[in-house]
N, C-alpha and C. Protein backbone atom coordinates (compact mmCIF):
# COMPACT_ATOMS: atom_id res chain seq x y z
N MET A 1 -13.04 17.88 212.27
CA MET A 1 -13.72 16.61 212.34
C MET A 1 -14.38 16.46 213.71
N SER A 2 -15.10 15.43 213.85
CA SER A 2 -15.87 15.21 215.07
C SER A 2 -15.11 14.31 216.05
N ASN A 3 -15.62 14.25 217.24
CA ASN A 3 -15.06 13.32 218.22
C ASN A 3 -15.17 11.89 217.72
N TYR A 4 -16.26 11.59 217.02
CA TYR A 4 -16.48 10.24 216.50
C TYR A 4 -15.37 9.85 215.52
N THR A 5 -15.09 10.70 214.55
CA THR A 5 -14.05 10.37 213.57
C THR A 5 -12.67 10.40 214.23
N ASP A 6 -12.47 11.32 215.15
CA ASP A 6 -11.19 11.35 215.88
C ASP A 6 -10.98 10.05 216.65
N ASN A 7 -12.03 9.54 217.26
CA ASN A 7 -11.94 8.29 218.01
C ASN A 7 -11.64 7.12 217.07
N LEU A 8 -12.26 7.10 215.91
CA LEU A 8 -11.98 6.04 214.94
C LEU A 8 -10.52 6.10 214.49
N ARG A 9 -10.04 7.30 214.18
CA ARG A 9 -8.64 7.46 213.76
C ARG A 9 -7.68 7.01 214.87
N TYR A 10 -7.98 7.37 216.10
CA TYR A 10 -7.14 6.98 217.23
C TYR A 10 -7.13 5.46 217.38
N SER A 11 -8.30 4.86 217.25
CA SER A 11 -8.38 3.40 217.34
C SER A 11 -7.54 2.73 216.27
N LEU A 12 -7.60 3.23 215.05
CA LEU A 12 -6.81 2.65 213.96
C LEU A 12 -5.32 2.87 214.17
N ALA A 13 -4.95 4.01 214.72
CA ALA A 13 -3.54 4.34 214.88
C ALA A 13 -2.91 3.71 216.13
N LYS A 14 -3.68 3.60 217.20
CA LYS A 14 -3.09 3.17 218.49
C LYS A 14 -3.67 1.87 219.02
N ARG A 15 -4.98 1.77 219.05
CA ARG A 15 -5.61 0.61 219.69
C ARG A 15 -5.43 -0.67 218.88
N ILE A 16 -5.63 -0.58 217.59
CA ILE A 16 -5.48 -1.77 216.74
C ILE A 16 -4.05 -2.32 216.83
N PRO A 17 -3.00 -1.50 216.65
CA PRO A 17 -1.65 -2.05 216.79
C PRO A 17 -1.40 -2.65 218.18
N ASP A 18 -1.97 -2.06 219.21
CA ASP A 18 -1.79 -2.58 220.56
C ASP A 18 -2.41 -3.96 220.72
N MET A 19 -3.45 -4.25 219.97
CA MET A 19 -4.12 -5.55 220.05
C MET A 19 -3.21 -6.69 219.62
N GLU A 20 -2.15 -6.38 218.86
CA GLU A 20 -1.23 -7.42 218.40
C GLU A 20 -0.54 -8.15 219.55
N ARG A 21 -0.52 -7.54 220.73
CA ARG A 21 0.09 -8.17 221.91
C ARG A 21 -0.88 -9.10 222.62
N GLY A 22 -2.09 -9.18 222.12
CA GLY A 22 -3.16 -9.92 222.78
C GLY A 22 -4.13 -8.94 223.40
N PHE A 23 -5.33 -9.40 223.66
CA PHE A 23 -6.35 -8.50 224.20
C PHE A 23 -7.49 -9.31 224.80
N GLY A 24 -8.40 -8.63 225.45
CA GLY A 24 -9.57 -9.28 226.01
C GLY A 24 -10.83 -8.67 225.45
N ILE A 25 -11.87 -9.48 225.40
CA ILE A 25 -13.19 -9.01 224.99
C ILE A 25 -14.09 -9.21 226.20
N ASP A 26 -14.65 -8.13 226.70
CA ASP A 26 -15.53 -8.21 227.86
C ASP A 26 -16.98 -8.26 227.40
N THR A 27 -17.71 -9.22 227.92
CA THR A 27 -19.13 -9.37 227.63
C THR A 27 -19.90 -9.37 228.95
N GLU A 28 -21.19 -9.34 228.86
CA GLU A 28 -22.02 -9.43 230.06
C GLU A 28 -21.83 -10.77 230.78
N TYR A 29 -21.36 -11.77 230.06
CA TYR A 29 -21.20 -13.11 230.63
C TYR A 29 -19.77 -13.44 231.02
N GLY A 30 -18.88 -12.48 230.85
CA GLY A 30 -17.49 -12.71 231.23
C GLY A 30 -16.52 -12.24 230.17
N ARG A 31 -15.28 -12.54 230.39
CA ARG A 31 -14.18 -12.07 229.54
C ARG A 31 -13.66 -13.21 228.68
N ILE A 32 -13.32 -12.85 227.44
CA ILE A 32 -12.65 -13.78 226.53
C ILE A 32 -11.25 -13.22 226.29
N ASP A 33 -10.23 -13.97 226.65
CA ASP A 33 -8.86 -13.53 226.42
C ASP A 33 -8.37 -14.09 225.10
N ILE A 34 -7.80 -13.21 224.28
CA ILE A 34 -7.26 -13.58 222.98
C ILE A 34 -5.75 -13.42 223.04
N ALA A 35 -5.04 -14.52 222.90
CA ALA A 35 -3.57 -14.50 222.93
C ALA A 35 -3.03 -13.85 221.65
N ALA A 36 -1.84 -13.30 221.75
CA ALA A 36 -1.22 -12.62 220.61
C ALA A 36 -1.15 -13.52 219.37
N ASP A 37 -0.86 -14.80 219.57
CA ASP A 37 -0.72 -15.68 218.41
C ASP A 37 -2.06 -16.05 217.76
N HIS A 38 -3.16 -15.66 218.36
CA HIS A 38 -4.48 -15.88 217.76
C HIS A 38 -5.18 -14.58 217.37
N ALA A 39 -4.52 -13.46 217.57
CA ALA A 39 -5.16 -12.16 217.41
C ALA A 39 -5.30 -11.68 215.96
N ALA A 40 -4.41 -12.08 215.07
CA ALA A 40 -4.36 -11.50 213.72
C ALA A 40 -5.68 -11.52 212.95
N PRO A 41 -6.41 -12.63 212.89
CA PRO A 41 -7.65 -12.61 212.11
C PRO A 41 -8.71 -11.68 212.70
N ILE A 42 -8.74 -11.58 214.02
CA ILE A 42 -9.71 -10.69 214.65
C ILE A 42 -9.33 -9.24 214.41
N ILE A 43 -8.04 -8.95 214.51
CA ILE A 43 -7.56 -7.60 214.26
C ILE A 43 -7.91 -7.17 212.84
N ARG A 44 -7.72 -8.05 211.87
CA ARG A 44 -8.06 -7.71 210.47
C ARG A 44 -9.52 -7.32 210.34
N MET A 45 -10.40 -8.08 210.96
CA MET A 45 -11.83 -7.79 210.86
C MET A 45 -12.20 -6.48 211.56
N VAL A 46 -11.61 -6.24 212.72
CA VAL A 46 -11.89 -5.00 213.43
C VAL A 46 -11.36 -3.81 212.63
N ARG A 47 -10.16 -3.95 212.06
CA ARG A 47 -9.60 -2.87 211.25
C ARG A 47 -10.50 -2.55 210.05
N ILE A 48 -10.97 -3.57 209.37
CA ILE A 48 -11.86 -3.37 208.23
C ILE A 48 -13.13 -2.64 208.66
N ALA A 49 -13.71 -3.08 209.76
CA ALA A 49 -14.94 -2.45 210.26
C ALA A 49 -14.72 -0.98 210.60
N LEU A 50 -13.62 -0.69 211.30
CA LEU A 50 -13.33 0.70 211.67
C LEU A 50 -13.03 1.56 210.45
N GLU A 51 -12.30 1.02 209.49
CA GLU A 51 -12.00 1.77 208.27
C GLU A 51 -13.28 2.08 207.49
N LYS A 52 -14.20 1.13 207.44
CA LYS A 52 -15.48 1.38 206.77
C LYS A 52 -16.28 2.44 207.51
N ASP A 53 -16.32 2.35 208.82
CA ASP A 53 -17.03 3.35 209.62
C ASP A 53 -16.43 4.74 209.42
N LEU A 54 -15.11 4.82 209.41
CA LEU A 54 -14.45 6.10 209.22
C LEU A 54 -14.75 6.67 207.84
N ALA A 55 -14.66 5.85 206.82
CA ALA A 55 -14.94 6.32 205.47
C ALA A 55 -16.37 6.84 205.36
N TYR A 56 -17.31 6.10 205.93
CA TYR A 56 -18.71 6.53 205.90
C TYR A 56 -18.89 7.84 206.66
N ALA A 57 -18.31 7.94 207.85
CA ALA A 57 -18.44 9.14 208.65
C ALA A 57 -17.86 10.35 207.93
N GLU A 58 -16.72 10.15 207.28
CA GLU A 58 -16.12 11.26 206.53
C GLU A 58 -16.98 11.68 205.36
N ARG A 59 -17.59 10.71 204.69
CA ARG A 59 -18.48 11.05 203.58
C ARG A 59 -19.72 11.80 204.07
N GLN A 60 -20.23 11.40 205.19
CA GLN A 60 -21.47 11.99 205.71
C GLN A 60 -21.21 13.20 206.61
N ARG A 61 -19.93 13.42 206.93
CA ARG A 61 -19.56 14.49 207.86
C ARG A 61 -20.32 14.36 209.17
N VAL A 62 -20.28 13.16 209.69
CA VAL A 62 -20.98 12.86 210.93
C VAL A 62 -20.35 13.66 212.08
N ALA A 63 -21.17 14.33 212.83
CA ALA A 63 -20.71 15.03 214.02
C ALA A 63 -21.15 14.24 215.24
N ALA A 64 -20.22 14.00 216.14
CA ALA A 64 -20.53 13.22 217.33
C ALA A 64 -21.55 13.97 218.13
């Protein structure tokens, strides 16, 4: 597989679960801190997006 798909798999396996403790979103205008008790809906959406990207990349055999 490619670095791209490996990165998606790593994000799903490690980064997404880590977000359950809370996380920050950095933008050009500053940081948004998301507390653990507010993280679940955002985590669900990010997980769905990454799973879709991974499925598409695997179908297309995208090489980074």
